[in-house]
Protein backbone atom coordinates (compact mmCIF):
# COMPACT_ATOMS: atom_id res chain seq x y z
CA MET A 1 147.49 -52.03 39.53
CA ALA A 2 143.79 -51.28 39.36
CA HIS A 3 143.72 -49.90 42.90
CA LEU A 4 146.50 -47.36 42.41
CA GLN A 5 145.49 -43.77 41.79
CA ALA A 6 146.83 -42.07 38.68
CA ALA A 7 149.06 -39.74 40.74
CA ALA A 8 150.64 -42.73 42.50
CA VAL A 9 151.27 -44.51 39.19
CA GLU A 10 152.87 -41.34 37.83
CA LYS A 11 155.08 -40.95 40.93
CA ILE A 12 156.18 -44.62 40.85
CA ASN A 13 156.95 -44.35 37.12
CA ALA A 14 159.05 -41.26 37.86
CA ILE A 15 160.94 -43.17 40.55
CA CYS A 16 161.62 -46.01 38.09
CA ASP A 17 162.74 -43.50 35.45
CA ARG A 18 165.32 -42.02 37.85
CA TYR A 19 167.27 -45.28 37.71
CA VAL A 20 166.80 -46.24 34.07
CA ASN A 21 170.56 -46.08 33.40
CA GLU A 22 171.53 -48.19 36.43
CA THR A 23 172.54 -51.78 35.81
CA THR A 24 170.80 -53.04 38.97
CA PRO A 25 168.19 -50.46 39.95
CA LEU A 26 165.73 -52.57 41.94
CA MET A 27 166.94 -51.82 45.47
CA MET A 28 167.10 -48.08 44.77
CA ILE A 29 163.63 -48.06 43.23
CA LEU A 30 162.09 -50.06 46.08
CA SER A 31 163.86 -47.94 48.69
CA ASP A 32 162.51 -44.73 47.15
CA ILE A 33 159.00 -46.17 46.95
CA GLN A 34 159.19 -47.33 50.58
CA LYS A 35 160.31 -43.84 51.64
CA GLU A 36 157.52 -42.21 49.64
CA TYR A 37 154.60 -44.46 50.61
CA GLY A 38 155.76 -46.42 53.65
CA TYR A 39 155.11 -49.81 52.07
CA ILE A 40 155.24 -51.74 48.80
CA PRO A 41 151.99 -53.60 48.05
CA LEU A 42 151.58 -56.16 45.28
CA GLU A 43 150.03 -53.60 42.89
CA VAL A 44 153.17 -51.48 43.16
CA GLN A 45 155.39 -54.52 42.66
CA GLU A 46 153.47 -55.30 39.47
CA LEU A 47 153.99 -51.76 38.21
CA VAL A 48 157.71 -51.87 39.00
CA SER A 49 157.93 -55.23 37.23
CA ALA A 50 156.29 -53.81 34.11
CA ARG A 51 158.66 -50.83 34.14
CA THR A 52 161.89 -52.71 34.86
CA GLY A 53 161.38 -56.17 33.37
CA VAL A 54 162.18 -57.76 36.75
CA SER A 55 159.64 -60.46 37.55
CA VAL A 56 157.07 -59.87 40.29
CA ALA A 57 158.37 -63.02 41.98
CA ASP A 58 161.88 -61.56 42.16
CA ILE A 59 160.59 -58.22 43.42
CA TYR A 60 158.44 -59.96 46.03
CA GLY A 61 161.47 -61.96 47.11
CA VAL A 62 163.46 -58.77 47.70
CA VAL A 63 160.60 -57.01 49.51
CA THR A 64 160.04 -59.94 51.85
CA PHE A 65 163.72 -60.69 52.43
CA TYR A 66 164.78 -57.25 53.66
CA SER A 67 163.16 -56.18 56.92
CA PHE A 68 163.17 -52.48 56.03
CA PHE A 69 160.63 -53.11 53.26
CA SER A 70 156.99 -53.70 54.13
CA LEU A 71 154.03 -55.19 52.29
CA THR A 72 151.53 -53.41 54.51
CA PRO A 73 151.17 -49.82 55.69
CA LYS A 74 153.09 -48.87 58.82
CA GLY A 75 151.78 -46.67 61.59
CA LYS A 76 152.69 -43.02 61.87
CA TYR A 77 155.13 -43.97 64.62
CA VAL A 78 157.19 -47.09 64.03
CA ILE A 79 158.53 -48.46 67.30
CA GLY A 80 161.56 -50.68 66.79
CA VAL A 81 162.70 -52.66 69.81
CA CYS A 82 166.16 -54.16 69.42
CA LEU A 83 166.28 -57.83 70.37
CA GLY A 84 169.96 -58.30 69.59
CA THR A 85 171.98 -60.18 72.20
CA ALA A 86 173.06 -57.18 74.29
CA CYS A 87 169.57 -55.69 74.35
CA TYR A 88 167.92 -59.04 74.93
CA VAL A 89 170.01 -59.88 78.00
CA LYS A 90 169.21 -56.44 79.41
CA GLY A 91 165.45 -56.96 79.20
CA ALA A 92 164.40 -56.04 75.68
CA GLN A 93 161.81 -58.83 75.49
CA GLN A 94 160.02 -57.37 78.50
CA ILE A 95 160.06 -53.97 76.76
CA VAL A 96 158.49 -55.48 73.63
CA ASP A 97 155.89 -57.15 75.82
CA LYS A 98 155.10 -53.87 77.58
CA PHE A 99 154.71 -51.92 74.33
CA SER A 100 152.48 -54.74 73.10
CA GLU A 101 150.35 -54.55 76.24
CA VAL A 102 150.09 -50.74 76.30
CA ILE A 103 149.30 -50.32 72.59
CA GLY A 104 147.30 -53.53 72.23
CA ILE A 105 149.20 -55.00 69.29
CA LYS A 106 151.76 -57.73 68.73
CA PRO A 107 155.16 -57.21 67.07
CA GLY A 108 154.68 -56.80 63.34
CA GLU A 109 151.23 -55.27 63.76
CA THR A 110 149.86 -51.74 63.44
CA SER A 111 147.34 -50.26 65.85
CA ALA A 112 143.77 -49.88 64.56
CA ASP A 113 144.07 -46.08 64.68
CA GLY A 114 147.14 -46.25 62.41
CA LEU A 115 149.25 -44.48 64.99
CA PHE A 116 151.74 -47.19 66.02
CA THR A 117 153.55 -50.11 64.45
CA LEU A 118 155.57 -52.36 66.75
CA ASP A 119 158.62 -54.09 65.28
CA ALA A 120 160.96 -56.49 67.02
CA LEU A 121 164.36 -55.92 65.40
CA ARG A 122 167.63 -57.77 65.32
CA CYS A 123 170.76 -55.91 66.38
CA ILE A 124 170.59 -52.20 65.56
CA GLY A 125 174.21 -51.58 66.55
CA ALA A 126 173.42 -49.81 69.81
CA CYS A 127 174.86 -52.41 72.17
CA GLY A 128 176.51 -49.81 74.43
CA ILE A 129 173.13 -48.28 75.25
CA ALA A 130 171.16 -51.52 75.57
CA PRO A 131 168.28 -52.03 75.69
CA ALA A 132 167.62 -49.64 72.82
CA VAL A 133 164.38 -48.64 71.13
CA THR A 134 163.89 -46.43 68.09
CA ILE A 135 160.75 -44.52 67.19
CA ASN A 136 160.91 -43.02 63.71
CA GLY A 137 164.67 -42.81 64.03
CA LYS A 138 164.77 -41.29 67.53
CA VAL A 139 166.80 -43.55 69.82
CA TYR A 140 165.72 -44.29 73.38
CA PRO A 141 168.81 -45.62 75.20
CA LYS A 142 168.82 -47.92 78.24
CA LEU A 143 165.05 -48.07 78.17
CA THR A 144 163.16 -49.54 81.12
CA VAL A 145 159.78 -51.25 81.15
CA ASP A 146 158.47 -48.50 83.44
CA ALA A 147 159.23 -45.83 80.79
CA VAL A 148 157.12 -47.48 78.07
CA PRO A 149 153.65 -46.19 79.08
CA LYS A 150 154.98 -42.63 79.40
CA ILE A 151 156.57 -42.77 75.94
CA VAL A 152 153.36 -44.04 74.36
CA GLU A 153 151.38 -41.30 76.10
CA GLU A 154 153.80 -38.63 74.85
CA TYR A 155 153.20 -39.70 71.25
CA LYS A 156 149.44 -39.85 71.79
CA ALA A 157 149.57 -36.35 73.31
CA MET A 158 151.48 -35.06 70.26
CA GLU A 159 148.67 -36.38 68.08
CA ALA A 160 145.98 -34.82 70.26
CA ASN A 161 147.74 -31.45 70.01
CA ALA A 162 148.37 -31.69 66.28
C-alpha cells in the first residue's frame, strides 16, 4: 500500500464503501476498481483485503482467475483477438500474429509507449462475423490480416492528432 497515492486510497475506500451492505461484494468492488484504474496491483488487493476482511490470497485468486481483471496496466487501446473455434478456423491466429508483428509485442503484453495491449481471447460470442477483433469495445468483423497494419496506423494517427 505504500506506493498508492492518498487520492487513490481514498477512491478505493469509497468503492469498497459502496458495497458495504452486500453479502458478497468482492466482484463488484474489483470490477469498479478495474474500470477506474485499468488494473488491480497487489497494493490495491491489500487495501481491499483490509477493508473487506477477504484474504489477499482469495482476492489474488479472483483477479488471476477472471480474464477481464489485470495485475498490470493495460495500454490505451486494448486489442482483443478472438481465438474461439469459429474465429480460429477463419484465420484468427494469423491476425494475432500480424498484430504482434506490427506492434512489436506478444499476446498479453503492452507496447513500450503504453498505447497498445494485445490480448488473445477465447470466444467472444461473435461467431457469425468471424474472425472478430475488439479494440476498446469496438468490434472489427471478418477481419483480414491485410487490414491489421491499417488499423494500427489509424490508432497511431488518432494519438498524433490528439
